[in-house]
Amino acid sequence: MPRKKILFLIGSPNQTTQMHQIAGLLADEFEASFSQIYYDGWMRGFYKFLLWTRGLEPTVVSGHIKQKADDYLARHQLCNDFENRVFGHRYDLIVCCSDIVVPWNLLATTKSVFVQEGMTDALHLWQRLVWRFTNFPILAIGTALNGMNNCCDLYCVASEGYAAHFRHIGVSAEKLVVTGIPNFDDVEKLRDNDFPHRGYVLVATTDMRETYRRDNRRTFIGRAVEIAAGRPLIFKFHPNENMARAKAEVEKYAPAGTLIYTSGNTEEMIANCAELITQYSTVAYVGLALGIPTHSFFDIEDLKRKLPWQNGGSSARRIADICRDYVAFEGRDGGAFLRGRA
């Protein structure tokens, strides 16, 4: 008999690697394909309009971030069924990394599991207005309104704190299951690394300007210099940033000798630092889980409540088990499925 098929929707490097981990644990039983997140059905025209206006250029569905995902699939020889238009398979399960951009037609007829990527963006005024007055969370440009559509059958989330967050945004409580999330569930292993520096203050920036948010980078750099208080500084930029601009700002406003990294393993850099300074970044969780003094534009106490479950790296397997069992489950009642597994 032919193997059942699962479509994994991908986006950022973090989303893509998480989905690859889960798919790898199901490879003996299921045929896995991958696609960049996309719209079909009634939202496709609006989605195409946003792409045409280049309004989505800084996001994971377009530009160099999409290219990174395509390159990753090619490098690892993974099946790229872009927008389900290459092979046109009938899938038995969709695993979503977002419920903001989803293939509505496919979702209507196919079981689905949502996997939280990492930290969700802040609910600022614009995001709250979109949440309150529209049915289009894509207008928030970011991850702040993940969960608003409540359109997946199951939601695998990082922690009890995030379960409460997703309930607040709009996910039905009965669909939620705390699994932890790959890439952020075993930070202790990061202490064993080859990054050559130690004892510095690390500044991990966010792509705020690239996603249409205000960022006074001069003030932020000045604050980082104050916190460092003479200790060595290292800046690690978000991969979506305008690197030339970001480098020029650090070279202008930070002390001579400040190191700049435009690529590399941010989490390992955090493991070796004495103090971590972030803006809106999931990597704040790495610092907190390692007990490193951490600064963030988010409320630190709220981050501690939402800290991803540290389960020794078992999140991908927990999510894979849910996917396997849900494919075998009769019907699409996510709540009934989870009650049966309790």
Protein backbone atom coordinates (compact mmCIF):
# COMPACT_ATOMS: atom_id res chain seq x y z
CA MET A 1 0.00 0.00 0.00
CA PRO A 2 1.24 3.54 -0.72
CA ARG A 3 2.42 5.47 2.31
CA LYS A 4 0.23 8.26 3.64
CA LYS A 5 1.35 11.77 2.84
CA ILE A 6 2.11 14.78 5.04
CA LEU A 7 2.68 18.34 3.84
CA PHE A 8 4.94 20.43 6.08
CA LEU A 9 4.54 24.18 5.63
CA ILE A 10 7.77 26.10 6.19
CA GLY A 11 8.98 29.69 6.33
CA SER A 12 11.89 31.14 8.29
CA PRO A 13 15.09 29.14 8.89
CA ASN A 14 13.79 28.29 12.37
CA GLN A 15 10.40 27.15 11.06
CA THR A 16 12.05 25.13 8.32
CA THR A 17 14.51 23.30 10.55
CA GLN A 18 11.80 22.50 13.10
CA MET A 19 9.59 20.97 10.42
CA HIS A 20 12.53 19.00 9.05
CA GLN A 21 13.19 17.51 12.49
CA ILE A 22 9.58 16.41 12.87
CA ALA A 23 9.42 15.00 9.35
CA GLY A 24 12.61 13.02 9.92
CA LEU A 25 10.99 11.19 12.83
CA LEU A 26 8.09 10.13 10.57
CA ALA A 27 10.12 9.24 7.49
CA ASP A 28 9.76 5.46 7.87
CA GLU A 29 5.97 5.65 7.85
CA PHE A 30 4.95 8.71 5.84
CA GLU A 31 5.88 10.43 2.62
CA ALA A 32 6.78 14.00 3.49
CA SER A 33 6.62 17.03 1.21
CA PHE A 34 7.35 20.66 2.03
CA SER A 35 6.06 24.00 0.82
CA GLN A 36 6.55 27.62 1.73
CA ILE A 37 3.43 28.86 3.52
CA TYR A 38 0.80 30.12 1.09
CA TYR A 39 -2.83 31.06 0.62
CA ASP A 40 -5.32 29.38 -1.64
CA GLY A 41 -9.08 29.69 -1.89
CA TRP A 42 -10.89 32.91 -1.10
CA MET A 43 -7.79 34.66 0.28
CA ARG A 44 -5.52 33.97 -2.68
CA GLY A 45 -6.43 37.11 -4.65
CA PHE A 46 -5.76 39.37 -1.66
CA TYR A 47 -2.53 37.51 -0.96
CA LYS A 48 -1.35 37.93 -4.53
CA PHE A 49 -2.19 41.63 -4.33
CA LEU A 50 0.01 42.02 -1.25
CA LEU A 51 2.83 40.21 -3.02
CA TRP A 52 2.39 42.42 -6.08
CA THR A 53 2.64 45.58 -3.99
CA ARG A 54 5.80 44.12 -2.36
CA GLY A 55 4.11 44.61 0.99
CA LEU A 56 5.19 41.11 2.02
CA GLU A 57 8.78 41.47 0.80
CA PRO A 58 10.27 41.51 4.34
CA THR A 59 8.30 38.42 5.41
CA VAL A 60 8.95 34.69 5.09
CA VAL A 61 6.73 34.30 1.98
CA SER A 62 8.90 36.39 -0.28
CA GLY A 63 12.39 37.68 -0.98
CA HIS A 64 15.59 36.29 0.48
CA ILE A 65 13.92 34.46 3.39
CA LYS A 66 11.86 32.38 0.97
CA GLN A 67 15.02 31.76 -1.02
CA LYS A 68 16.76 30.49 2.11
CA ALA A 69 13.97 27.98 2.65
CA ASP A 70 14.09 26.84 -0.99
CA ASP A 71 17.88 26.45 -0.75
CA TYR A 72 17.51 24.43 2.45
CA LEU A 73 15.07 22.01 0.81
CA ALA A 74 17.37 21.59 -2.17
CA ARG A 75 20.46 21.10 -0.01
CA HIS A 76 18.78 18.39 2.06
CA GLN A 77 17.06 16.85 -0.98
CA LEU A 78 13.59 17.34 0.49
CA CYS A 79 10.51 17.19 -1.72
CA ASN A 80 9.38 20.76 -2.53
CA ASP A 81 5.69 20.69 -3.47
CA PHE A 82 5.40 24.48 -3.66
CA GLU A 83 1.80 25.55 -3.02
CA ASN A 84 0.77 21.93 -3.70
CA ARG A 85 1.11 22.77 -7.41
CA VAL A 86 4.15 20.65 -8.27
CA PHE A 87 2.74 17.21 -7.52
CA GLY A 88 -0.87 17.93 -6.55
CA HIS A 89 -0.92 15.22 -3.89
CA ARG A 90 -3.93 14.46 -1.75
CA TYR A 91 -2.45 14.86 1.71
CA ASP A 92 -3.51 13.06 4.87
CA LEU A 93 -2.13 15.78 7.18
CA ILE A 94 -0.86 19.35 6.97
CA VAL A 95 1.63 20.53 9.59
CA CYS A 96 1.48 24.32 9.78
CA CYS A 97 4.08 26.73 11.16
CA SER A 98 1.55 29.59 10.98
CA ASP A 99 -2.21 29.87 11.06
CA ILE A 100 -2.07 33.39 9.59
CA VAL A 101 -1.07 32.32 6.08
CA VAL A 102 -2.71 28.96 5.36
CA PRO A 103 -4.04 27.09 2.30
CA TRP A 104 -7.73 27.41 3.11
CA ASN A 105 -9.00 24.98 0.46
CA LEU A 106 -6.58 22.27 1.54
CA LEU A 107 -7.24 22.93 5.21
CA ALA A 108 -10.98 22.52 4.72
CA THR A 109 -10.56 18.90 3.63
CA THR A 110 -7.38 17.81 5.41
CA LYS A 111 -6.42 17.24 9.02
CA SER A 112 -4.01 19.85 10.38
CA VAL A 113 -1.54 20.37 13.22
CA PHE A 114 -0.06 23.77 14.12
CA VAL A 115 3.47 23.89 15.57
CA GLN A 116 4.53 27.06 17.36
CA GLU A 117 7.73 28.49 15.90
CA GLY A 118 8.99 30.53 18.81
CA MET A 119 8.23 33.86 20.43
CA THR A 120 5.16 35.66 19.08
CA ASP A 121 5.43 39.34 18.22
CA ALA A 122 4.14 42.00 20.59
CA LEU A 123 0.53 43.19 20.47
CA HIS A 124 1.08 46.87 19.77
CA LEU A 125 -1.69 49.28 18.79
CA TRP A 126 -1.78 48.29 15.11
CA GLN A 127 -1.91 44.57 15.90
CA ARG A 128 -4.69 45.16 18.42
CA LEU A 129 -6.69 47.15 15.86
CA VAL A 130 -6.31 44.34 13.30
CA TRP A 131 -7.32 41.82 15.97
CA ARG A 132 -10.36 43.83 17.06
CA PHE A 133 -11.75 45.09 13.78
CA THR A 134 -10.71 42.72 10.96
CA ASN A 135 -10.63 39.07 9.99
CA PHE A 136 -7.21 39.41 8.37
CA PRO A 137 -4.35 38.72 10.82
CA ILE A 138 -1.91 38.95 7.90
CA LEU A 139 -2.35 42.74 8.11
CA ALA A 140 -0.45 42.68 11.42
CA ILE A 141 2.72 41.75 9.44
CA GLY A 142 4.31 39.31 11.85
CA THR A 143 3.43 36.56 14.30
CA ALA A 144 1.48 38.60 16.87
CA LEU A 145 -1.88 37.18 15.76
CA ASN A 146 -0.94 33.56 15.29
CA GLY A 147 -3.94 31.69 16.69
CA MET A 148 -6.50 34.32 15.73
CA ASN A 149 -7.84 32.19 12.88
CA ASN A 150 -8.26 29.13 15.16
CA CYS A 151 -8.32 27.13 11.94
CA CYS A 152 -6.06 24.16 12.70
CA ASP A 153 -7.33 21.01 14.38
CA LEU A 154 -4.52 20.86 16.95
CA TYR A 155 -2.09 23.44 18.33
CA CYS A 156 1.29 22.26 19.67
CA VAL A 157 2.74 25.03 21.83
CA ALA A 158 5.89 25.76 23.80
CA SER A 159 4.63 25.99 27.38
CA GLU A 160 1.65 26.42 29.68
CA GLY A 161 2.28 30.17 29.50
CA TYR A 162 1.95 30.09 25.75
CA ALA A 163 -1.16 27.93 25.98
CA ALA A 164 -2.75 30.76 27.98
CA HIS A 165 -1.52 33.27 25.37
CA PHE A 166 -3.02 31.35 22.45
CA ARG A 167 -6.33 30.95 24.29
CA HIS A 168 -6.35 34.74 24.72
CA ILE A 169 -5.71 35.30 21.00
CA GLY A 170 -8.52 32.96 19.99
CA VAL A 171 -7.52 29.29 19.93
CA SER A 172 -10.07 26.91 21.42
CA ALA A 173 -8.70 25.55 24.69
CA GLU A 174 -9.56 21.96 23.81
CA LYS A 175 -7.24 22.06 20.77
CA LEU A 176 -4.13 23.08 22.70
CA VAL A 177 -1.39 20.70 23.78
CA VAL A 178 1.91 21.65 25.41
CA THR A 179 4.68 19.75 23.65
CA GLY A 180 7.62 22.13 23.83
CA ILE A 181 9.10 23.29 20.54
CA PRO A 182 12.17 22.00 18.69
CA ASN A 183 15.23 24.29 18.67
CA PHE A 184 14.31 25.77 22.07
CA ASP A 185 13.79 22.72 24.31
CA ASP A 186 17.34 21.71 25.24
CA VAL A 187 19.41 24.85 25.72
CA GLU A 188 21.88 23.22 28.11
CA LYS A 189 23.52 21.43 25.19
CA LEU A 190 24.53 24.83 23.79
CA ARG A 191 27.20 25.24 26.45
CA ASP A 192 29.36 22.77 24.53
CA ASN A 193 30.30 24.83 21.46
CA ASP A 194 33.21 26.09 19.38
CA PHE A 195 32.44 29.80 19.42
CA PRO A 196 35.84 31.38 20.19
CA HIS A 197 34.80 34.23 22.51
CA ARG A 198 33.58 34.26 26.13
CA GLY A 199 32.61 36.74 28.82
CA TYR A 200 31.22 39.44 26.49
CA VAL A 201 27.89 41.25 26.35
CA LEU A 202 25.90 39.98 23.38
CA VAL A 203 23.41 42.19 21.55
CA ALA A 204 20.94 40.21 19.41
CA THR A 205 18.90 42.59 17.27
CA THR A 206 15.47 42.26 15.64
CA ASP A 207 14.27 43.03 12.11
CA MET A 208 11.85 45.68 13.35
CA ARG A 209 12.43 48.18 10.57
CA GLU A 210 12.17 45.48 7.92
CA THR A 211 8.72 44.58 9.24
CA TYR A 212 7.49 48.19 9.38
CA ARG A 213 8.08 48.86 13.08
CA ARG A 214 9.94 51.78 14.60
CA ASP A 215 13.47 51.13 15.85
CA ASN A 216 15.67 53.90 17.22
CA ARG A 217 18.87 51.94 16.69
CA ARG A 218 21.11 54.79 17.87
CA THR A 219 19.37 54.87 21.27
CA PHE A 220 19.37 51.07 21.48
CA ILE A 221 23.10 50.87 20.80
CA GLY A 222 23.73 53.57 23.39
CA ARG A 223 21.78 51.59 25.97
CA ALA A 224 23.78 48.45 25.13
CA VAL A 225 27.01 50.36 25.66
CA GLU A 226 25.78 51.51 29.08
CA ILE A 227 24.86 47.95 30.12
CA ALA A 228 28.21 46.62 28.91
CA ALA A 229 30.01 49.16 31.13
CA GLY A 230 33.34 48.63 29.47
CA ARG A 231 33.01 44.90 28.87
CA PRO A 232 33.54 43.60 25.31
CA LEU A 233 30.49 43.93 23.05
CA ILE A 234 29.35 41.62 20.26
CA PHE A 235 26.45 42.45 17.95
CA LYS A 236 24.62 39.62 16.15
CA PHE A 237 22.11 40.86 13.58
CA HIS A 238 18.80 39.25 12.69
CA PRO A 239 19.14 37.44 9.33
CA ASN A 240 16.35 39.55 7.83
CA GLU A 241 18.05 42.89 8.52
CA ASN A 242 19.61 45.35 6.12
CA MET A 243 23.15 44.32 7.05
CA ALA A 244 24.95 47.29 5.52
CA ARG A 245 22.82 49.76 7.46
CA ALA A 246 23.04 47.80 10.72
CA LYS A 247 26.84 47.48 10.49
CA ALA A 248 27.26 51.18 9.75
CA GLU A 249 25.23 52.09 12.83
CA VAL A 250 27.27 49.88 15.17
CA GLU A 251 30.53 51.17 13.72
CA LYS A 252 29.31 54.73 14.31
CA TYR A 253 27.77 54.47 17.79
CA ALA A 254 29.51 51.53 19.53
CA PRO A 255 33.07 51.55 20.90
CA ALA A 256 35.99 50.67 18.70
CA GLY A 257 36.70 46.96 18.78
CA THR A 258 33.03 45.95 18.98
CA LEU A 259 32.61 42.69 17.06
CA ILE A 260 29.83 42.30 14.48
CA TYR A 261 28.36 39.02 13.22
CA THR A 262 25.90 38.91 10.33
CA SER A 263 25.63 35.12 10.48
CA GLY A 264 26.47 32.27 12.79
CA ASN A 265 24.80 30.32 15.59
CA THR A 266 23.17 32.95 17.82
CA GLU A 267 22.24 30.43 20.50
CA GLU A 268 25.85 29.30 20.94
CA MET A 269 26.94 32.93 21.14
CA ILE A 270 24.42 33.39 23.93
CA ALA A 271 25.71 30.35 25.82
CA ASN A 272 29.17 31.98 26.02
CA CYS A 273 28.08 35.50 26.94
CA ALA A 274 28.01 37.20 30.35
CA GLU A 275 24.87 39.19 29.61
CA LEU A 276 22.32 39.24 26.79
CA ILE A 277 20.56 42.25 25.30
CA THR A 278 17.68 41.66 22.86
CA GLN A 279 14.83 43.59 21.33
CA TYR A 280 11.88 41.39 20.24
CA SER A 281 13.61 38.05 19.81
CA THR A 282 12.92 34.43 20.68
CA VAL A 283 16.57 34.04 21.65
CA ALA A 284 15.76 35.86 24.89
CA TYR A 285 14.41 32.47 26.00
CA VAL A 286 17.84 30.92 25.50
CA GLY A 287 19.41 33.44 27.86
CA LEU A 288 16.70 33.02 30.47
CA ALA A 289 16.83 29.22 30.34
CA LEU A 290 20.61 29.32 30.80
CA GLY A 291 20.34 31.70 33.75
CA ILE A 292 22.11 34.53 31.91
CA PRO A 293 21.09 38.11 32.80
CA THR A 294 18.78 39.04 29.92
CA HIS A 295 17.30 42.30 28.68
CA SER A 296 14.35 42.44 26.28
CA PHE A 297 11.75 44.87 24.95
CA PHE A 298 9.26 42.29 26.24
CA ASP A 299 8.40 42.13 29.93
CA ILE A 300 10.93 39.73 31.44
CA GLU A 301 8.48 38.29 33.97
CA ASP A 302 6.04 37.51 31.14
CA LEU A 303 8.84 35.81 29.22
CA LYS A 304 9.64 33.69 32.25
CA ARG A 305 5.99 32.58 32.40
CA LYS A 306 6.11 31.63 28.71
CA LEU A 307 9.57 30.05 28.77
CA PRO A 308 9.56 27.02 26.43
CA TRP A 309 9.51 23.67 28.17
CA GLN A 310 13.03 22.28 28.60
CA ASN A 311 12.42 18.60 27.99
CA GLY A 312 15.86 17.43 26.89
CA GLY A 313 15.17 17.85 23.19
CA SER A 314 12.11 15.61 23.02
CA SER A 315 9.66 18.15 21.53
CA ALA A 316 10.08 17.01 17.92
CA ARG A 317 9.35 13.42 18.91
CA ARG A 318 6.31 14.45 20.95
CA ILE A 319 4.95 16.40 17.98
CA ALA A 320 5.74 13.56 15.57
CA ASP A 321 3.85 11.14 17.83
CA ILE A 322 0.83 13.46 17.79
CA CYS A 323 0.98 13.70 14.00
CA ARG A 324 1.19 9.92 13.64
CA ASP A 325 -1.66 9.25 16.04
CA TYR A 326 -3.87 11.99 14.61
CA VAL A 327 -3.56 10.63 11.08
CA ALA A 328 -4.82 7.29 12.43
CA PHE A 329 -7.61 8.94 14.45
CA GLU A 330 -11.14 8.73 13.04
CA GLY A 331 -12.57 12.19 12.37
CA ARG A 332 -11.22 15.72 12.83
CA ASP A 333 -12.24 16.61 16.37
CA GLY A 334 -8.94 17.73 17.86
CA GLY A 335 -10.43 18.04 21.32
CA ALA A 336 -11.76 14.48 21.27
CA PHE A 337 -8.40 13.25 20.01
CA LEU A 338 -6.50 14.92 22.85
CA ARG A 339 -8.98 13.70 25.46
CA GLY A 340 -8.47 10.18 24.17
CA ARG A 341 -4.70 10.51 24.57
CA ALA A 342 -4.87 11.87 28.13
